[in-house]
PDB file of all heavy atoms in Angstrom:
ATOM      1  N   PHE A   1      -6.799  -9.633  -5.636  1.00  0.00           N
ATOM      2  CA  PHE A   1      -7.042  -9.355  -4.226  1.00  0.00           C
ATOM      3  C   PHE A   1      -8.300  -8.519  -4.012  1.00  0.00           C
ATOM      4  O   PHE A   1      -9.108  -8.816  -3.134  1.00  0.00           O
ATOM      5  CB  PHE A   1      -5.830  -8.660  -3.610  1.00  0.00           C
ATOM      6  CG  PHE A   1      -4.593  -9.506  -3.611  1.00  0.00           C
ATOM      7  CD1 PHE A   1      -3.534  -9.218  -4.464  1.00  0.00           C
ATOM      8  CD2 PHE A   1      -4.496 -10.612  -2.785  1.00  0.00           C
ATOM      9  CE1 PHE A   1      -2.405 -10.006  -4.480  1.00  0.00           C
ATOM     10  CE2 PHE A   1      -3.360 -11.409  -2.791  1.00  0.00           C
ATOM     11  CZ  PHE A   1      -2.314 -11.105  -3.651  1.00  0.00           C
ATOM     12  N   SER A   2      -8.480  -7.483  -4.795  1.00  0.00           N
ATOM     13  CA  SER A   2      -9.658  -6.640  -4.631  1.00  0.00           C
ATOM     14  C   SER A   2     -10.931  -7.384  -5.037  1.00  0.00           C
ATOM     15  O   SER A   2     -12.010  -7.101  -4.511  1.00  0.00           O
ATOM     16  CB  SER A   2      -9.522  -5.354  -5.459  1.00  0.00           C
ATOM     17  OG  SER A   2      -9.275  -5.651  -6.814  1.00  0.00           O
ATOM     18  N   ARG A   3     -10.794  -8.345  -5.937  1.00  0.00           N
ATOM     19  CA  ARG A   3     -11.961  -9.120  -6.368  1.00  0.00           C
ATOM     20  C   ARG A   3     -12.347 -10.168  -5.333  1.00  0.00           C
ATOM     21  O   ARG A   3     -13.526 -10.354  -5.031  1.00  0.00           O
ATOM     22  CB  ARG A   3     -11.672  -9.792  -7.710  1.00  0.00           C
ATOM     23  CG  ARG A   3     -12.810 -10.692  -8.211  1.00  0.00           C
ATOM     24  CD  ARG A   3     -12.524 -11.221  -9.595  1.00  0.00           C
ATOM     25  NE  ARG A   3     -11.328 -12.035  -9.646  1.00  0.00           N
ATOM     26  CZ  ARG A   3     -11.304 -13.338  -9.307  1.00  0.00           C
ATOM     27  NH1 ARG A   3     -12.389 -13.937  -8.865  1.00  0.00           N
ATOM     28  NH2 ARG A   3     -10.170 -14.019  -9.402  1.00  0.00           N
ATOM     29  N   LEU A   4     -11.369 -10.870  -4.785  1.00  0.00           N
ATOM     30  CA  LEU A   4     -11.656 -11.948  -3.845  1.00  0.00           C
ATOM     31  C   LEU A   4     -11.951 -11.458  -2.437  1.00  0.00           C
ATOM     32  O   LEU A   4     -12.638 -12.135  -1.666  1.00  0.00           O
ATOM     33  CB  LEU A   4     -10.472 -12.926  -3.785  1.00  0.00           C
ATOM     34  CG  LEU A   4     -10.249 -13.801  -5.000  1.00  0.00           C
ATOM     35  CD1 LEU A   4      -9.043 -14.708  -4.785  1.00  0.00           C
ATOM     36  CD2 LEU A   4     -11.483 -14.658  -5.280  1.00  0.00           C
ATOM     37  N   PHE A   5     -11.421 -10.285  -2.097  1.00  0.00           N
ATOM     38  CA  PHE A   5     -11.590  -9.765  -0.742  1.00  0.00           C
ATOM     39  C   PHE A   5     -12.222  -8.369  -0.797  1.00  0.00           C
ATOM     40  O   PHE A   5     -11.610  -7.394  -0.361  1.00  0.00           O
ATOM     41  CB  PHE A   5     -10.245  -9.711  -0.021  1.00  0.00           C
ATOM     42  CG  PHE A   5      -9.492 -11.020  -0.014  1.00  0.00           C
ATOM     43  CD1 PHE A   5      -8.482 -11.260  -0.942  1.00  0.00           C
ATOM     44  CD2 PHE A   5      -9.807 -12.009   0.903  1.00  0.00           C
ATOM     45  CE1 PHE A   5      -7.786 -12.462  -0.948  1.00  0.00           C
ATOM     46  CE2 PHE A   5      -9.119 -13.222   0.902  1.00  0.00           C
ATOM     47  CZ  PHE A   5      -8.114 -13.455  -0.017  1.00  0.00           C
ATOM     48  N   PRO A   6     -13.427  -8.264  -1.313  1.00  0.00           N
ATOM     49  CA  PRO A   6     -14.048  -6.942  -1.443  1.00  0.00           C
ATOM     50  C   PRO A   6     -14.265  -6.279  -0.086  1.00  0.00           C
ATOM     51  O   PRO A   6     -14.934  -6.830   0.792  1.00  0.00           O
ATOM     52  CB  PRO A   6     -15.389  -7.258  -2.138  1.00  0.00           C
ATOM     53  CG  PRO A   6     -15.663  -8.695  -1.811  1.00  0.00           C
ATOM     54  CD  PRO A   6     -14.322  -9.353  -1.752  1.00  0.00           C
ATOM     55  N   GLY A   7     -13.668  -5.107   0.068  1.00  0.00           N
ATOM     56  CA  GLY A   7     -13.780  -4.394   1.330  1.00  0.00           C
ATOM     57  C   GLY A   7     -12.989  -5.017   2.465  1.00  0.00           C
ATOM     58  O   GLY A   7     -13.059  -4.551   3.601  1.00  0.00           O
ATOM     59  N   ARG A   8     -12.201  -6.057   2.154  1.00  0.00           N
ATOM     60  CA  ARG A   8     -11.447  -6.774   3.191  1.00  0.00           C
ATOM     61  C   ARG A   8      -9.977  -6.932   2.818  1.00  0.00           C
ATOM     62  O   ARG A   8      -9.295  -7.814   3.334  1.00  0.00           O
ATOM     63  CB  ARG A   8     -12.076  -8.152   3.423  1.00  0.00           C
ATOM     64  CG  ARG A   8     -13.470  -8.089   4.036  1.00  0.00           C
ATOM     65  CD  ARG A   8     -14.098  -9.466   4.228  1.00  0.00           C
ATOM     66  NE  ARG A   8     -14.597 -10.003   2.972  1.00  0.00           N
ATOM     67  CZ  ARG A   8     -14.065 -11.019   2.314  1.00  0.00           C
ATOM     68  NH1 ARG A   8     -12.977 -11.599   2.778  1.00  0.00           N
ATOM     69  NH2 ARG A   8     -14.597 -11.456   1.189  1.00  0.00           N
ATOM     70  N   ALA A   9      -9.486  -6.076   1.913  1.00  0.00           N
ATOM     71  CA  ALA A   9      -8.086  -6.142   1.483  1.00  0.00           C
ATOM     72  C   ALA A   9      -7.422  -4.784   1.645  1.00  0.00           C
ATOM     73  O   ALA A   9      -8.037  -3.745   1.399  1.00  0.00           O
ATOM     74  CB  ALA A   9      -7.994  -6.600   0.030  1.00  0.00           C
ATOM     75  N   TRP A  10      -6.165  -4.816   2.075  1.00  0.00           N
ATOM     76  CA  TRP A  10      -5.365  -3.614   2.267  1.00  0.00           C
ATOM     77  C   TRP A  10      -3.963  -3.855   1.715  1.00  0.00           C
ATOM     78  O   TRP A  10      -3.532  -5.000   1.574  1.00  0.00           O
ATOM     79  CB  TRP A  10      -5.230  -3.268   3.755  1.00  0.00           C
ATOM     80  CG  TRP A  10      -6.490  -2.861   4.427  1.00  0.00           C
ATOM     81  CD1 TRP A  10      -6.913  -1.593   4.691  1.00  0.00           C
ATOM     82  CD2 TRP A  10      -7.507  -3.728   4.962  1.00  0.00           C
ATOM     83  NE1 TRP A  10      -8.123  -1.608   5.353  1.00  0.00           N
ATOM     84  CE2 TRP A  10      -8.503  -2.906   5.526  1.00  0.00           C
ATOM     85  CE3 TRP A  10      -7.661  -5.117   5.004  1.00  0.00           C
ATOM     86  CZ2 TRP A  10      -9.649  -3.434   6.128  1.00  0.00           C
ATOM     87  CZ3 TRP A  10      -8.802  -5.651   5.605  1.00  0.00           C
ATOM     88  CH2 TRP A  10      -9.776  -4.812   6.159  1.00  0.00           C
ATOM     89  N   ILE A  11      -3.257  -2.792   1.421  1.00  0.00           N
ATOM     90  CA  ILE A  11      -1.848  -2.886   1.076  1.00  0.00           C
ATOM     91  C   ILE A  11      -1.046  -2.548   2.326  1.00  0.00           C
ATOM     92  O   ILE A  11      -1.262  -1.497   2.947  1.00  0.00           O
ATOM     93  CB  ILE A  11      -1.483  -1.930  -0.070  1.00  0.00           C
ATOM     94  CG1 ILE A  11      -2.238  -2.321  -1.348  1.00  0.00           C
ATOM     95  CG2 ILE A  11       0.024  -1.927  -0.327  1.00  0.00           C
ATOM     96  CD1 ILE A  11      -2.064  -1.338  -2.493  1.00  0.00           C
ATOM     97  N   ALA A  12      -0.155  -3.443   2.717  1.00  0.00           N
ATOM     98  CA  ALA A  12       0.621  -3.243   3.946  1.00  0.00           C
ATOM     99  C   ALA A  12       1.768  -2.270   3.703  1.00  0.00           C
ATOM    100  O   ALA A  12       2.581  -2.469   2.798  1.00  0.00           O
ATOM    101  CB  ALA A  12       1.156  -4.575   4.449  1.00  0.00           C
ATOM    102  N   ALA A  13       1.831  -1.232   4.500  1.00  0.00           N
ATOM    103  CA  ALA A  13       2.944  -0.285   4.464  1.00  0.00           C
ATOM    104  C   ALA A  13       3.883  -0.659   5.602  1.00  0.00           C
ATOM    105  O   ALA A  13       3.588  -0.406   6.770  1.00  0.00           O
ATOM    106  CB  ALA A  13       2.444   1.142   4.626  1.00  0.00           C
ATOM    107  N   GLU A  14       5.016  -1.285   5.259  1.00  0.00           N
ATOM    108  CA  GLU A  14       5.955  -1.785   6.254  1.00  0.00           C
ATOM    109  C   GLU A  14       7.286  -1.060   6.084  1.00  0.00           C
ATOM    110  O   GLU A  14       8.061  -1.354   5.177  1.00  0.00           O
ATOM    111  CB  GLU A  14       6.124  -3.295   6.106  1.00  0.00           C
ATOM    112  CG  GLU A  14       4.793  -4.021   6.308  1.00  0.00           C
ATOM    113  CD  GLU A  14       4.884  -5.522   6.207  1.00  0.00           C
ATOM    114  OE1 GLU A  14       5.799  -6.026   5.533  1.00  0.00           O
ATOM    115  OE2 GLU A  14       4.025  -6.202   6.792  1.00  0.00           O
ATOM    116  N   LEU A  15       7.522  -0.088   6.951  1.00  0.00           N
ATOM    117  CA  LEU A  15       8.708   0.756   6.873  1.00  0.00           C
ATOM    118  C   LEU A  15       9.528   0.558   8.143  1.00  0.00           C
ATOM    119  O   LEU A  15       8.974   0.499   9.239  1.00  0.00           O
ATOM    120  CB  LEU A  15       8.309   2.228   6.733  1.00  0.00           C
ATOM    121  CG  LEU A  15       7.300   2.529   5.607  1.00  0.00           C
ATOM    122  CD1 LEU A  15       6.882   3.993   5.656  1.00  0.00           C
ATOM    123  CD2 LEU A  15       7.878   2.180   4.250  1.00  0.00           C
ATOM    124  N   HIS A  16      10.853   0.463   7.991  1.00  0.00           N
ATOM    125  CA  HIS A  16      11.700   0.114   9.130  1.00  0.00           C
ATOM    126  C   HIS A  16      12.860   1.080   9.343  1.00  0.00           C
ATOM    127  O   HIS A  16      13.952   0.682   9.744  1.00  0.00           O
ATOM    128  CB  HIS A  16      12.219  -1.316   8.956  1.00  0.00           C
ATOM    129  CG  HIS A  16      11.132  -2.332   8.823  1.00  0.00           C
ATOM    130  ND1 HIS A  16      10.802  -2.915   7.624  1.00  0.00           N
ATOM    131  CD2 HIS A  16      10.276  -2.834   9.751  1.00  0.00           C
ATOM    132  CE1 HIS A  16       9.789  -3.752   7.813  1.00  0.00           C
ATOM    133  NE2 HIS A  16       9.452  -3.721   9.082  1.00  0.00           N
ATOM    134  N   GLY A  17      12.625   2.339   9.036  1.00  0.00           N
ATOM    135  CA  GLY A  17      13.656   3.339   9.300  1.00  0.00           C
ATOM    136  C   GLY A  17      14.809   3.291   8.323  1.00  0.00           C
ATOM    137  O   GLY A  17      15.916   3.721   8.646  1.00  0.00           O
ATOM    138  N   GLY A  18      14.582   2.799   7.128  1.00  0.00           N
ATOM    139  CA  GLY A  18      15.630   2.733   6.118  1.00  0.00           C
ATOM    140  C   GLY A  18      15.762   4.030   5.342  1.00  0.00           C
ATOM    141  O   GLY A  18      14.919   4.928   5.426  1.00  0.00           O
ATOM    142  N   SER A  19      16.809   4.116   4.539  1.00  0.00           N
ATOM    143  CA  SER A  19      17.078   5.347   3.790  1.00  0.00           C
ATOM    144  C   SER A  19      16.065   5.578   2.675  1.00  0.00           C
ATOM    145  O   SER A  19      15.923   6.708   2.198  1.00  0.00           O
ATOM    146  CB  SER A  19      18.488   5.286   3.194  1.00  0.00           C
ATOM    147  OG  SER A  19      18.614   4.156   2.326  1.00  0.00           O
ATOM    148  N   ASN A  20      15.367   4.517   2.247  1.00  0.00           N
ATOM    149  CA  ASN A  20      14.435   4.664   1.138  1.00  0.00           C
ATOM    150  C   ASN A  20      12.980   4.627   1.584  1.00  0.00           C
ATOM    151  O   ASN A  20      12.072   4.428   0.768  1.00  0.00           O
ATOM    152  CB  ASN A  20      14.671   3.565   0.106  1.00  0.00           C
ATOM    153  CG  ASN A  20      14.328   2.181   0.656  1.00  0.00           C
ATOM    154  OD1 ASN A  20      14.368   1.972   1.868  1.00  0.00           O
ATOM    155  ND2 ASN A  20      13.993   1.251  -0.228  1.00  0.00           N
ATOM    156  N   ASP A  21      12.715   4.803   2.881  1.00  0.00           N
ATOM    157  CA  ASP A  21      11.343   4.692   3.385  1.00  0.00           C
ATOM    158  C   ASP A  21      10.397   5.684   2.723  1.00  0.00           C
ATOM    159  O   ASP A  21       9.262   5.342   2.382  1.00  0.00           O
ATOM    160  CB  ASP A  21      11.317   4.899   4.907  1.00  0.00           C
ATOM    161  CG  ASP A  21      11.640   3.621   5.671  1.00  0.00           C
ATOM    162  OD1 ASP A  21      11.880   2.588   5.014  1.00  0.00           O
ATOM    163  OD2 ASP A  21      11.654   3.662   6.915  1.00  0.00           O
ATOM    164  N   ARG A  22      10.862   6.914   2.535  1.00  0.00           N
ATOM    165  CA  ARG A  22       9.979   7.937   1.967  1.00  0.00           C
ATOM    166  C   ARG A  22       9.598   7.586   0.532  1.00  0.00           C
ATOM    167  O   ARG A  22       8.424   7.698   0.143  1.00  0.00           O
ATOM    168  CB  ARG A  22      10.661   9.301   2.021  1.00  0.00           C
ATOM    169  CG  ARG A  22       9.800  10.447   1.497  1.00  0.00           C
ATOM    170  CD  ARG A  22      10.419  11.796   1.789  1.00  0.00           C
ATOM    171  NE  ARG A  22      10.498  12.042   3.226  1.00  0.00           N
ATOM    172  CZ  ARG A  22      10.965  13.169   3.752  1.00  0.00           C
ATOM    173  NH1 ARG A  22      11.389  14.152   2.963  1.00  0.00           N
ATOM    174  NH2 ARG A  22      11.006  13.319   5.061  1.00  0.00           N
ATOM    175  N   ALA A  23      10.572   7.119  -0.244  1.00  0.00           N
ATOM    176  CA  ALA A  23      10.288   6.737  -1.628  1.00  0.00           C
ATOM    177  C   ALA A  23       9.388   5.512  -1.670  1.00  0.00           C
ATOM    178  O   ALA A  23       8.486   5.413  -2.507  1.00  0.00           O
ATOM    179  CB  ALA A  23      11.595   6.462  -2.377  1.00  0.00           C
ATOM    180  N   ARG A  24       9.642   4.559  -0.764  1.00  0.00           N
ATOM    181  CA  ARG A  24       8.823   3.352  -0.709  1.00  0.00           C
ATOM    182  C   ARG A  24       7.378   3.692  -0.381  1.00  0.00           C
ATOM    183  O   ARG A  24       6.441   3.164  -0.990  1.00  0.00           O
ATOM    184  CB  ARG A  24       9.386   2.397   0.352  1.00  0.00           C
ATOM    185  CG  ARG A  24       8.578   1.127   0.589  1.00  0.00           C
ATOM    186  CD  ARG A  24       8.681   0.177  -0.569  1.00  0.00           C
ATOM    187  NE  ARG A  24       7.977  -1.075  -0.282  1.00  0.00           N
ATOM    188  CZ  ARG A  24       7.920  -2.100  -1.113  1.00  0.00           C
ATOM    189  NH1 ARG A  24       8.539  -2.029  -2.284  1.00  0.00           N
ATOM    190  NH2 ARG A  24       7.265  -3.192  -0.796  1.00  0.00           N
ATOM    191  N   LEU A  25       7.171   4.576   0.586  1.00  0.00           N
ATOM    192  CA  LEU A  25       5.819   4.964   0.963  1.00  0.00           C
ATOM    193  C   LEU A  25       5.112   5.657  -0.197  1.00  0.00           C
ATOM    194  O   LEU A  25       3.918   5.425  -0.435  1.00  0.00           O
ATOM    195  CB  LEU A  25       5.851   5.871   2.186  1.00  0.00           C
ATOM    196  CG  LEU A  25       4.494   6.317   2.735  1.00  0.00           C
ATOM    197  CD1 LEU A  25       3.626   5.127   3.096  1.00  0.00           C
ATOM    198  CD2 LEU A  25       4.687   7.225   3.953  1.00  0.00           C
ATOM    199  N   ALA A  26       5.835   6.490  -0.936  1.00  0.00           N
ATOM    200  CA  ALA A  26       5.242   7.161  -2.093  1.00  0.00           C
ATOM    201  C   ALA A  26       4.806   6.136  -3.137  1.00  0.00           C
ATOM    202  O   ALA A  26       3.728   6.259  -3.748  1.00  0.00           O
ATOM    203  CB  ALA A  26       6.240   8.148  -2.694  1.00  0.00           C
ATOM    204  N   GLU A  27       5.627   5.104  -3.368  1.00  0.00           N
ATOM    205  CA  GLU A  27       5.272   4.051  -4.319  1.00  0.00           C
ATOM    206  C   GLU A  27       4.036   3.286  -3.856  1.00  0.00           C
ATOM    207  O   GLU A  27       3.156   2.965  -4.662  1.00  0.00           O
ATOM    208  CB  GLU A  27       6.451   3.089  -4.482  1.00  0.00           C
ATOM    209  CG  GLU A  27       7.649   3.670  -5.214  1.00  0.00           C
ATOM    210  CD  GLU A  27       8.780   2.665  -5.297  1.00  0.00           C
ATOM    211  OE1 GLU A  27       8.922   1.831  -4.375  1.00  0.00           O
ATOM    212  OE2 GLU A  27       9.525   2.694  -6.284  1.00  0.00           O
ATOM    213  N   LEU A  28       3.972   3.015  -2.565  1.00  0.00           N
ATOM    214  CA  LEU A  28       2.827   2.275  -2.036  1.00  0.00           C
ATOM    215  C   LEU A  28       1.546   3.102  -2.143  1.00  0.00           C
ATOM    216  O   LEU A  28       0.471   2.567  -2.441  1.00  0.00           O
ATOM    217  CB  LEU A  28       3.092   1.885  -0.584  1.00  0.00           C
ATOM    218  CG  LEU A  28       4.164   0.814  -0.366  1.00  0.00           C
ATOM    219  CD1 LEU A  28       4.473   0.675   1.122  1.00  0.00           C
ATOM    220  CD2 LEU A  28       3.730  -0.532  -0.944  1.00  0.00           C
ATOM    221  N   ARG A  29       1.649   4.404  -1.905  1.00  0.00           N
ATOM    222  CA  ARG A  29       0.474   5.266  -2.034  1.00  0.00           C
ATOM    223  C   ARG A  29      -0.005   5.313  -3.482  1.00  0.00           C
ATOM    224  O   ARG A  29      -1.217   5.300  -3.754  1.00  0.00           O
ATOM    225  CB  ARG A  29       0.812   6.674  -1.539  1.00  0.00           C
ATOM    226  CG  ARG A  29       0.854   6.786  -0.019  1.00  0.00           C
ATOM    227  CD  ARG A  29       1.348   8.138   0.425  1.00  0.00           C
ATOM    228  NE  ARG A  29       1.194   8.320   1.869  1.00  0.00           N
ATOM    229  CZ  ARG A  29       1.820   9.230   2.572  1.00  0.00           C
ATOM    230  NH1 ARG A  29       2.665  10.080   1.965  1.00  0.00           N
ATOM    231  NH2 ARG A  29       1.627   9.327   3.877  1.00  0.00           N
ATOM    232  N   GLU A  30       0.944   5.346  -4.398  1.00  0.00           N
ATOM    233  CA  GLU A  30       0.582   5.349  -5.821  1.00  0.00           C
ATOM    234  C   GLU A  30      -0.110   4.038  -6.195  1.00  0.00           C
ATOM    235  O   GLU A  30      -1.102   4.033  -6.927  1.00  0.00           O
ATOM    236  CB  GLU A  30       1.844   5.543  -6.667  1.00  0.00           C
ATOM    237  CG  GLU A  30       1.573   5.652  -8.164  1.00  0.00           C
ATOM    238  CD  GLU A  30       2.832   5.924  -8.958  1.00  0.00           C
ATOM    239  OE1 GLU A  30       3.865   6.285  -8.355  1.00  0.00           O
ATOM    240  OE2 GLU A  30       2.785   5.772 -10.197  1.00  0.00           O
ATOM    241  N   LEU A  31       0.421   2.929  -5.673  1.00  0.00           N
ATOM    242  CA  LEU A  31      -0.185   1.630  -5.934  1.00  0.00           C
ATOM    243  C   LEU A  31      -1.581   1.548  -5.328  1.00  0.00           C
ATOM    244  O   LEU A  31      -2.514   1.020  -5.944  1.00  0.00           O
ATOM    245  CB  LEU A  31       0.700   0.522  -5.363  1.00  0.00           C
ATOM    246  CG  LEU A  31       0.194  -0.917  -5.538  1.00  0.00           C
ATOM    247  CD1 LEU A  31       0.144  -1.290  -7.011  1.00  0.00           C
ATOM    248  CD2 LEU A  31       1.092  -1.888  -4.781  1.00  0.00           C
ATOM    249  N   ALA A  32      -1.732   2.084  -4.128  1.00  0.00           N
ATOM    250  CA  ALA A  32      -3.031   2.070  -3.463  1.00  0.00           C
ATOM    251  C   ALA A  32      -4.068   2.839  -4.275  1.00  0.00           C
ATOM    252  O   ALA A  32      -5.216   2.395  -4.429  1.00  0.00           O
ATOM    253  CB  ALA A  32      -2.901   2.661  -2.054  1.00  0.00           C
ATOM    254  N   ASP A  33      -3.679   3.996  -4.803  1.00  0.00           N
ATOM    255  CA  ASP A  33      -4.589   4.786  -5.631  1.00  0.00           C
ATOM    256  C   ASP A  33      -4.956   4.034  -6.901  1.00  0.00           C
ATOM    257  O   ASP A  33      -6.106   4.052  -7.345  1.00  0.00           O
ATOM    258  CB  ASP A  33      -3.948   6.125  -5.992  1.00  0.00           C
ATOM    259  CG  ASP A  33      -3.815   7.059  -4.795  1.00  0.00           C
ATOM    260  OD1 ASP A  33      -4.538   6.849  -3.801  1.00  0.00           O
ATOM    261  OD2 ASP A  33      -2.987   7.984  -4.858  1.00  0.00           O
ATOM    262  N   LEU A  34      -3.973   3.348  -7.479  1.00  0.00           N
ATOM    263  CA  LEU A  34      -4.202   2.611  -8.726  1.00  0.00           C
ATOM    264  C   LEU A  34      -5.141   1.432  -8.515  1.00  0.00           C
ATOM    265  O   LEU A  34      -6.022   1.164  -9.339  1.00  0.00           O
ATOM    266  CB  LEU A  34      -2.862   2.117  -9.282  1.00  0.00           C
ATOM    267  CG  LEU A  34      -2.898   1.348 -10.603  1.00  0.00           C
ATOM    268  CD1 LEU A  34      -3.384   2.240 -11.732  1.00  0.00           C
ATOM    269  CD2 LEU A  34      -1.509   0.805 -10.919  1.00  0.00           C
ATOM    270  N   CYS A  35      -4.968   0.741  -7.387  1.00  0.00           N
ATOM    271  CA  CYS A  35      -5.749  -0.475  -7.123  1.00  0.00           C
ATOM    272  C   CYS A  35      -7.044  -0.209  -6.367  1.00  0.00           C
ATOM    273  O   CYS A  35      -7.909  -1.090  -6.291  1.00  0.00           O
ATOM    274  CB  CYS A  35      -4.915  -1.467  -6.316  1.00  0.00           C
ATOM    275  SG  CYS A  35      -3.418  -2.013  -7.134  1.00  0.00           S
ATOM    276  N   GLY A  36      -7.172   0.970  -5.800  1.00  0.00           N
ATOM    277  CA  GLY A  36      -8.357   1.272  -5.025  1.00  0.00           C
ATOM    278  C   GLY A  36      -8.388   0.574  -3.681  1.00  0.00           C
ATOM    279  O   GLY A  36      -9.463   0.355  -3.107  1.00  0.00           O
ATOM    280  N   LEU A  37      -7.206   0.239  -3.149  1.00  0.00           N
ATOM    281  CA  LEU A  37      -7.110  -0.403  -1.843  1.00  0.00           C
ATOM    282  C   LEU A  37      -6.424   0.544  -0.865  1.00  0.00           C
ATOM    283  O   LEU A  37      -5.454   1.211  -1.225  1.00  0.00           O
ATOM    284  CB  LEU A  37      -6.305  -1.705  -1.930  1.00  0.00           C
ATOM    285  CG  LEU A  37      -6.892  -2.831  -2.777  1.00  0.00           C
ATOM    286  CD1 LEU A  37      -5.952  -4.032  -2.770  1.00  0.00           C
ATOM    287  CD2 LEU A  37      -8.265  -3.237  -2.257  1.00  0.00           C
ATOM    288  N   PRO A  38      -6.901   0.603   0.354  1.00  0.00           N
ATOM    289  CA  PRO A  38      -6.268   1.489   1.346  1.00  0.00           C
ATOM    290  C   PRO A  38      -4.960   0.903   1.863  1.00  0.00           C
ATOM    291  O   PRO A  38      -4.718  -0.309   1.761  1.00  0.00           O
ATOM    292  CB  PRO A  38      -7.312   1.567   2.469  1.00  0.00           C
ATOM    293  CG  PRO A  38      -8.069   0.282   2.355  1.00  0.00           C
ATOM    294  CD  PRO A  38      -8.100  -0.059   0.893  1.00  0.00           C
ATOM    295  N   LEU A  39      -4.121   1.776   2.423  1.00  0.00           N
ATOM    296  CA  LEU A  39      -2.899   1.336   3.080  1.00  0.00           C
ATOM    297  C   LEU A  39      -3.190   1.048   4.546  1.00  0.00           C
ATOM    298  O   LEU A  39      -4.061   1.666   5.153  1.00  0.00           O
ATOM    299  CB  LEU A  39      -1.823   2.418   3.008  1.00  0.00           C
ATOM    300  CG  LEU A  39      -1.220   2.749   1.642  1.00  0.00           C
ATOM    301  CD1 LEU A  39      -0.193   3.871   1.794  1.00  0.00           C
ATOM    302  CD2 LEU A  39      -0.573   1.538   1.012  1.00  0.00           C
ATOM    303  N   VAL A  40      -2.428   0.109   5.112  1.00  0.00           N
ATOM    304  CA  VAL A  40      -2.504  -0.159   6.536  1.00  0.00           C
ATOM    305  C   VAL A  40      -1.084  -0.356   7.061  1.00  0.00           C
ATOM    306  O   VAL A  40      -0.242  -0.954   6.387  1.00  0.00           O
ATOM    307  CB  VAL A  40      -3.373  -1.403   6.841  1.00  0.00           C
ATOM    308  CG1 VAL A  40      -2.762  -2.671   6.265  1.00  0.00           C
ATOM    309  CG2 VAL A  40      -3.605  -1.563   8.340  1.00  0.00           C
TER     310      VAL A  40
END
């Protein structure tokens, strides 16, 4: 994704008020840091 969409790719943060939203967001932030893609 980062190769094919340089500067045009994001990781979607989709949270719906569930019990694990905080943990899910933390995982997504970690993934974003690892991949160098921002969250949206």
